[in-house]
């Protein structure tokens, strides 16, 4: 699965989708997509990521208490 870094627009490839959808984890491991060479794994904060379309990640992937908090 590919996501985009908000600030730079760079694409990253998610290493473990389970890590992404687990709301108790605030950072995920991914690889930047630069050219044809395989890049090293890096850590990225979920709050700094969006889908390639520009849409934000679902709250339920980032906030374990999303049902108890008011929508923002």
PDB file of N, CA and C in Angstrom:
ATOM      1  N   UNK A   1       0.849  -1.174   0.000  1.00  0.00           N
ATOM      2  CA  UNK A   1       0.000   0.000   0.000  1.00  0.00           C
ATOM      3  C   UNK A   1       0.889   1.230   0.000  1.00  0.00           C
ATOM      4  N   UNK A   2       0.508   2.209  -0.810  1.00  0.00           N
ATOM      5  CA  UNK A   2       1.256   3.460  -0.883  1.00  0.00           C
ATOM      6  C   UNK A   2       0.514   4.568  -0.156  1.00  0.00           C
ATOM      7  N   UNK A   3       1.257   5.385   0.560  1.00  0.00           N
ATOM      8  CA  UNK A   3       0.729   6.591   1.183  1.00  0.00           C
ATOM      9  C   UNK A   3       1.631   7.754   0.779  1.00  0.00           C
ATOM     10  N   UNK A   4       1.195   8.946   1.108  1.00  0.00           N
ATOM     11  CA  UNK A   4       1.930  10.151   0.725  1.00  0.00           C
ATOM     12  C   UNK A   4       2.270  10.955   1.977  1.00  0.00           C
ATOM     13  N   UNK A   5       3.464  11.535   2.016  1.00  0.00           N
ATOM     14  CA  UNK A   5       3.873  12.410   3.102  1.00  0.00           C
ATOM     15  C   UNK A   5       3.229  13.772   2.831  1.00  0.00           C
ATOM     16  N   UNK A   6       2.491  14.301   3.822  1.00  0.00           N
ATOM     17  CA  UNK A   6       1.759  15.566   3.634  1.00  0.00           C
ATOM     18  C   UNK A   6       2.641  16.704   3.156  1.00  0.00           C
ATOM     19  N   UNK A   7       3.755  16.943   3.835  1.00  0.00           N
ATOM     20  CA  UNK A   7       4.593  18.112   3.568  1.00  0.00           C
ATOM     21  C   UNK A   7       5.314  18.070   2.229  1.00  0.00           C
ATOM     22  N   UNK A   8       5.806  16.900   1.857  1.00  0.00           N
ATOM     23  CA  UNK A   8       6.652  16.803   0.668  1.00  0.00           C
ATOM     24  C   UNK A   8       5.953  16.238  -0.557  1.00  0.00           C
ATOM     25  N   UNK A   9       4.873  15.497  -0.338  1.00  0.00           N
ATOM     26  CA  UNK A   9       4.180  14.849  -1.454  1.00  0.00           C
ATOM     27  C   UNK A   9       4.852  13.561  -1.898  1.00  0.00           C
ATOM     28  N   UNK A  10       5.938  13.156  -1.221  1.00  0.00           N
ATOM     29  CA  UNK A  10       6.649  11.926  -1.574  1.00  0.00           C
ATOM     30  C   UNK A  10       5.813  10.705  -1.228  1.00  0.00           C
ATOM     31  N   UNK A  11       5.899   9.683  -2.070  1.00  0.00           N
ATOM     32  CA  UNK A  11       5.186   8.434  -1.817  1.00  0.00           C
ATOM     33  C   UNK A  11       6.043   7.506  -0.975  1.00  0.00           C
ATOM     34  N   UNK A  12       5.386   6.766  -0.081  1.00  0.00           N
ATOM     35  CA  UNK A  12       6.062   5.751   0.713  1.00  0.00           C
ATOM     36  C   UNK A  12       5.274   4.453   0.611  1.00  0.00           C
ATOM     37  N   UNK A  13       5.996   3.343   0.688  1.00  0.00           N
ATOM     38  CA  UNK A  13       5.372   2.022   0.626  1.00  0.00           C
ATOM     39  C   UNK A  13       5.315   1.461   2.039  1.00  0.00           C
ATOM     40  N   UNK A  14       4.099   1.176   2.506  1.00  0.00           N
ATOM     41  CA  UNK A  14       3.886   0.663   3.863  1.00  0.00           C
ATOM     42  C   UNK A  14       4.425  -0.759   3.962  1.00  0.00           C
ATOM     43  N   UNK A  15       5.192  -1.012   4.998  1.00  0.00           N
ATOM     44  CA  UNK A  15       5.774  -2.329   5.211  1.00  0.00           C
ATOM     45  C   UNK A  15       4.750  -3.314   5.787  1.00  0.00           C
ATOM     46  N   UNK A  16       3.951  -2.864   6.760  1.00  0.00           N
ATOM     47  CA  UNK A  16       3.013  -3.739   7.463  1.00  0.00           C
ATOM     48  C   UNK A  16       1.672  -3.020   7.617  1.00  0.00           C
ATOM     49  N   UNK A  17       0.662  -3.454   6.883  1.00  0.00           N
ATOM     50  CA  UNK A  17      -0.645  -2.794   6.918  1.00  0.00           C
ATOM     51  C   UNK A  17      -1.276  -2.907   8.304  1.00  0.00           C
ATOM     52  N   UNK A  18      -1.035  -3.981   9.015  1.00  0.00           N
ATOM     53  CA  UNK A  18      -1.577  -4.142  10.372  1.00  0.00           C
ATOM     54  C   UNK A  18      -1.084  -3.023  11.290  1.00  0.00           C
ATOM     55  N   UNK A  19       0.155  -2.630  11.127  1.00  0.00           N
ATOM     56  CA  UNK A  19       0.742  -1.530  11.885  1.00  0.00           C
ATOM     57  C   UNK A  19      -0.005  -0.225  11.567  1.00  0.00           C
ATOM     58  N   UNK A  20      -0.353  -0.054  10.309  1.00  0.00           N
ATOM     59  CA  UNK A  20      -1.047   1.148   9.857  1.00  0.00           C
ATOM     60  C   UNK A  20      -2.444   1.262  10.460  1.00  0.00           C
ATOM     61  N   UNK A  21      -3.185   0.170  10.497  1.00  0.00           N
ATOM     62  CA  UNK A  21      -4.580   0.241  10.954  1.00  0.00           C
ATOM     63  C   UNK A  21      -4.730   0.099  12.463  1.00  0.00           C
ATOM     64  N   UNK A  22      -3.654  -0.218  13.172  1.00  0.00           N
ATOM     65  CA  UNK A  22      -3.701  -0.344  14.637  1.00  0.00           C
ATOM     66  C   UNK A  22      -3.656   1.049  15.269  1.00  0.00           C
ATOM     67  N   UNK A  23      -4.759   1.488  15.908  1.00  0.00           N
ATOM     68  CA  UNK A  23      -4.802   2.841  16.468  1.00  0.00           C
ATOM     69  C   UNK A  23      -3.887   3.056  17.669  1.00  0.00           C
ATOM     70  N   UNK A  24      -3.351   2.000  18.244  1.00  0.00           N
ATOM     71  CA  UNK A  24      -2.457   2.159  19.398  1.00  0.00           C
ATOM     72  C   UNK A  24      -1.012   2.423  18.961  1.00  0.00           C
ATOM     73  N   UNK A  25      -0.738   2.359  17.670  1.00  0.00           N
ATOM     74  CA  UNK A  25       0.602   2.623  17.137  1.00  0.00           C
ATOM     75  C   UNK A  25       0.565   3.962  16.417  1.00  0.00           C
ATOM     76  N   UNK A  26       1.450   4.899  16.812  1.00  0.00           N
ATOM     77  CA  UNK A  26       1.410   6.233  16.189  1.00  0.00           C
ATOM     78  C   UNK A  26       2.426   6.427  15.062  1.00  0.00           C
ATOM     79  N   UNK A  27       3.359   5.481  14.915  1.00  0.00           N
ATOM     80  CA  UNK A  27       4.340   5.541  13.827  1.00  0.00           C
ATOM     81  C   UNK A  27       4.344   4.214  13.090  1.00  0.00           C
ATOM     82  N   UNK A  28       4.657   4.279  11.801  1.00  0.00           N
ATOM     83  CA  UNK A  28       4.725   3.063  11.000  1.00  0.00           C
ATOM     84  C   UNK A  28       6.063   2.997  10.284  1.00  0.00           C
ATOM     85  N   UNK A  29       6.427   1.791   9.844  1.00  0.00           N
ATOM     86  CA  UNK A  29       7.656   1.601   9.080  1.00  0.00           C
ATOM     87  C   UNK A  29       7.292   1.543   7.603  1.00  0.00           C
ATOM     88  N   UNK A  30       8.061   2.267   6.805  1.00  0.00           N
ATOM     89  CA  UNK A  30       7.791   2.305   5.371  1.00  0.00           C
ATOM     90  C   UNK A  30       9.075   2.642   4.621  1.00  0.00           C
ATOM     91  N   UNK A  31       9.011   2.476   3.309  1.00  0.00           N
ATOM     92  CA  UNK A  31      10.145   2.786   2.433  1.00  0.00           C
ATOM     93  C   UNK A  31       9.736   3.867   1.457  1.00  0.00           C
ATOM     94  N   UNK A  32      10.590   4.894   1.310  1.00  0.00           N
ATOM     95  CA  UNK A  32      10.334   5.927   0.307  1.00  0.00           C
ATOM     96  C   UNK A  32      10.454   5.306  -1.069  1.00  0.00           C
ATOM     97  N   UNK A  33       9.650   5.790  -1.986  1.00  0.00           N
ATOM     98  CA  UNK A  33       9.673   5.311  -3.365  1.00  0.00           C
ATOM     99  C   UNK A  33      10.458   6.291  -4.217  1.00  0.00           C
ATOM    100  N   UNK A  34      11.752   6.029  -4.353  1.00  0.00           N
ATOM    101  CA  UNK A  34      12.636   6.907  -5.129  1.00  0.00           C
ATOM    102  C   UNK A  34      13.360   6.071  -6.171  1.00  0.00           C
ATOM    103  N   UNK A  35      13.021   6.274  -7.421  1.00  0.00           N
ATOM    104  CA  UNK A  35      13.691   5.550  -8.485  1.00  0.00           C
ATOM    105  C   UNK A  35      13.452   4.057  -8.407  1.00  0.00           C
ATOM    106  N   UNK A  36      14.406   3.310  -8.931  1.00  0.00           N
ATOM    107  CA  UNK A  36      14.259   1.858  -8.980  1.00  0.00           C
ATOM    108  C   UNK A  36      14.943   1.146  -7.827  1.00  0.00           C
ATOM    109  N   UNK A  37      15.829   1.845  -7.111  1.00  0.00           N
ATOM    110  CA  UNK A  37      16.549   1.206  -6.015  1.00  0.00           C
ATOM    111  C   UNK A  37      15.673   1.094  -4.776  1.00  0.00           C
ATOM    112  N   UNK A  38      15.808  -0.036  -4.087  1.00  0.00           N
ATOM    113  CA  UNK A  38      15.067  -0.271  -2.852  1.00  0.00           C
ATOM    114  C   UNK A  38      15.646   0.617  -1.754  1.00  0.00           C
ATOM    115  N   UNK A  39      14.798   1.381  -1.083  1.00  0.00           N
ATOM    116  CA  UNK A  39      15.231   2.288  -0.022  1.00  0.00           C
ATOM    117  C   UNK A  39      15.160   1.585   1.338  1.00  0.00           C
ATOM    118  N   UNK A  40      15.863   2.120   2.324  1.00  0.00           N
ATOM    119  CA  UNK A  40      15.868   1.563   3.677  1.00  0.00           C
ATOM    120  C   UNK A  40      14.550   1.892   4.390  1.00  0.00           C
ATOM    121  N   UNK A  41      14.174   1.034   5.328  1.00  0.00           N
ATOM    122  CA  UNK A  41      12.978   1.288   6.137  1.00  0.00           C
ATOM    123  C   UNK A  41      13.197   2.505   7.025  1.00  0.00           C
ATOM    124  N   UNK A  42      12.173   3.330   7.117  1.00  0.00           N
ATOM    125  CA  UNK A  42      12.200   4.486   8.003  1.00  0.00           C
ATOM    126  C   UNK A  42      10.896   4.525   8.772  1.00  0.00           C
ATOM    127  N   UNK A  43      10.880   5.292   9.852  1.00  0.00           N
ATOM    128  CA  UNK A  43       9.684   5.446  10.670  1.00  0.00           C
ATOM    129  C   UNK A  43       8.986   6.753  10.304  1.00  0.00           C
ATOM    130  N   UNK A  44       7.648   6.686  10.194  1.00  0.00           N
ATOM    131  CA  UNK A  44       6.844   7.865   9.842  1.00  0.00           C
ATOM    132  C   UNK A  44       5.667   7.968  10.805  1.00  0.00           C
ATOM    133  N   UNK A  45       5.391   9.167  11.273  1.00  0.00           N
ATOM    134  CA  UNK A  45       4.226   9.421  12.120  1.00  0.00           C
ATOM    135  C   UNK A  45       2.977   9.365  11.246  1.00  0.00           C
ATOM    136  N   UNK A  46       1.957   8.657  11.701  1.00  0.00           N
ATOM    137  CA  UNK A  46       0.710   8.548  10.943  1.00  0.00           C
ATOM    138  C   UNK A  46       0.080   9.914  10.693  1.00  0.00           C
ATOM    139  N   UNK A  47       0.219  10.827  11.639  1.00  0.00           N
ATOM    140  CA  UNK A  47      -0.395  12.157  11.508  1.00  0.00           C
ATOM    141  C   UNK A  47       0.178  12.944  10.337  1.00  0.00           C
ATOM    142  N   UNK A  48       1.352  12.543   9.830  1.00  0.00           N
ATOM    143  CA  UNK A  48       1.990  13.236   8.716  1.00  0.00           C
ATOM    144  C   UNK A  48       1.720  12.574   7.365  1.00  0.00           C
ATOM    145  N   UNK A  49       0.800  11.599   7.345  1.00  0.00           N
ATOM    146  CA  UNK A  49       0.538  10.837   6.126  1.00  0.00           C
ATOM    147  C   UNK A  49      -0.887  11.018   5.636  1.00  0.00           C
ATOM    148  N   UNK A  50      -1.057  10.912   4.336  1.00  0.00           N
ATOM    149  CA  UNK A  50      -2.375  10.936   3.690  1.00  0.00           C
ATOM    150  C   UNK A  50      -2.363   9.892   2.575  1.00  0.00           C
ATOM    151  N   UNK A  51      -3.547   9.601   2.042  1.00  0.00           N
ATOM    152  CA  UNK A  51      -3.630   8.754   0.862  1.00  0.00           C
ATOM    153  C   UNK A  51      -3.108   9.547  -0.338  1.00  0.00           C
ATOM    154  N   UNK A  52      -2.649   8.877  -1.392  1.00  0.00           N
ATOM    155  CA  UNK A  52      -2.162   9.600  -2.571  1.00  0.00           C
ATOM    156  C   UNK A  52      -3.182  10.579  -3.160  1.00  0.00           C
ATOM    157  N   UNK A  53      -4.452  10.363  -2.899  1.00  0.00           N
ATOM    158  CA  UNK A  53      -5.502  11.269  -3.377  1.00  0.00           C
ATOM    159  C   UNK A  53      -5.564  12.554  -2.560  1.00  0.00           C
ATOM    160  N   UNK A  54      -4.837  12.595  -1.425  1.00  0.00           N
ATOM    161  CA  UNK A  54      -4.858  13.752  -0.539  1.00  0.00           C
ATOM    162  C   UNK A  54      -5.820  13.588   0.624  1.00  0.00           C
ATOM    163  N   UNK A  55      -6.583  12.510   0.617  1.00  0.00           N
ATOM    164  CA  UNK A  55      -7.546  12.247   1.689  1.00  0.00           C
ATOM    165  C   UNK A  55      -6.816  11.812   2.958  1.00  0.00           C
ATOM    166  N   UNK A  56      -7.270  12.313   4.110  1.00  0.00           N
ATOM    167  CA  UNK A  56      -6.672  11.950   5.400  1.00  0.00           C
ATOM    168  C   UNK A  56      -6.926  10.489   5.732  1.00  0.00           C
ATOM    169  N   UNK A  57      -6.062   9.941   6.588  1.00  0.00           N
ATOM    170  CA  UNK A  57      -6.273   8.580   7.080  1.00  0.00           C
ATOM    171  C   UNK A  57      -7.499   8.562   7.991  1.00  0.00           C
ATOM    172  N   UNK A  58      -8.211   7.445   8.050  1.00  0.00           N
ATOM    173  CA  UNK A  58      -9.378   7.366   8.936  1.00  0.00           C
ATOM    174  C   UNK A  58      -8.992   7.560  10.403  1.00  0.00           C
ATOM    175  N   UNK A  59      -9.841   8.231  11.168  1.00  0.00           N
ATOM    176  CA  UNK A  59      -9.577   8.458  12.605  1.00  0.00           C
ATOM    177  C   UNK A  59      -9.400   7.149  13.350  1.00  0.00           C
ATOM    178  N   UNK A  60     -10.144   6.122  12.966  1.00  0.00           N
ATOM    179  CA  UNK A  60     -10.078   4.847  13.682  1.00  0.00           C
ATOM    180  C   UNK A  60      -8.710   4.168  13.519  1.00  0.00           C
ATOM    181  N   UNK A  61      -7.884   4.617  12.584  1.00  0.00           N
ATOM    182  CA  UNK A  61      -6.525   4.091  12.425  1.00  0.00           C
ATOM    183  C   UNK A  61      -5.541   4.842  13.304  1.00  0.00           C
ATOM    184  N   UNK A  62      -5.940   6.010  13.821  1.00  0.00           N
ATOM    185  CA  UNK A  62      -5.014   6.865  14.559  1.00  0.00           C
ATOM    186  C   UNK A  62      -5.413   7.100  16.010  1.00  0.00           C
ATOM    187  N   UNK A  63      -6.681   6.923  16.347  1.00  0.00           N
ATOM    188  CA  UNK A  63      -7.189   7.246  17.679  1.00  0.00           C
ATOM    189  C   UNK A  63      -7.959   6.056  18.235  1.00  0.00           C
ATOM    190  N   UNK A  64      -7.368   5.384  19.222  1.00  0.00           N
ATOM    191  CA  UNK A  64      -8.005   4.201  19.812  1.00  0.00           C
ATOM    192  C   UNK A  64      -9.323   4.538  20.500  1.00  0.00           C
ATOM    193  N   UNK A  65      -9.507   5.788  20.898  1.00  0.00           N
ATOM    194  CA  UNK A  65     -10.736   6.212  21.575  1.00  0.00           C
ATOM    195  C   UNK A  65     -11.646   7.033  20.663  1.00  0.00           C
ATOM    196  N   UNK A  66     -11.576   6.796  19.371  1.00  0.00           N
ATOM    197  CA  UNK A  66     -12.332   7.623  18.421  1.00  0.00           C
ATOM    198  C   UNK A  66     -13.839   7.576  18.665  1.00  0.00           C
ATOM    199  N   UNK A  67     -14.351   6.500  19.222  1.00  0.00           N
ATOM    200  CA  UNK A  67     -15.800   6.402  19.481  1.00  0.00           C
ATOM    201  C   UNK A  67     -16.217   7.290  20.651  1.00  0.00           C
ATOM    202  N   UNK A  68     -15.300   7.548  21.579  1.00  0.00           N
ATOM    203  CA  UNK A  68     -15.616   8.324  22.774  1.00  0.00           C
ATOM    204  C   UNK A  68     -15.339   9.823  22.623  1.00  0.00           C
ATOM    205  N   UNK A  69     -14.608  10.193  21.584  1.00  0.00           N
ATOM    206  CA  UNK A  69     -14.279  11.605  21.413  1.00  0.00           C
ATOM    207  C   UNK A  69     -15.172  12.224  20.332  1.00  0.00           C
ATOM    208  N   UNK A  70     -15.335  13.546  20.430  1.00  0.00           N
ATOM    209  CA  UNK A  70     -16.169  14.251  19.456  1.00  0.00           C
ATOM    210  C   UNK A  70     -15.436  14.391  18.137  1.00  0.00           C
ATOM    211  N   UNK A  71     -16.171  14.359  17.056  1.00  0.00           N
ATOM    212  CA  UNK A  71     -15.590  14.535  15.722  1.00  0.00           C
ATOM    213  C   UNK A  71     -15.035  15.957  15.603  1.00  0.00           C
ATOM    214  N   UNK A  72     -13.886  16.050  14.932  1.00  0.00           N
ATOM    215  CA  UNK A  72     -13.288  17.373  14.737  1.00  0.00           C
ATOM    216  C   UNK A  72     -13.372  17.785  13.301  1.00  0.00           C
TER     217      UNK A  72
END
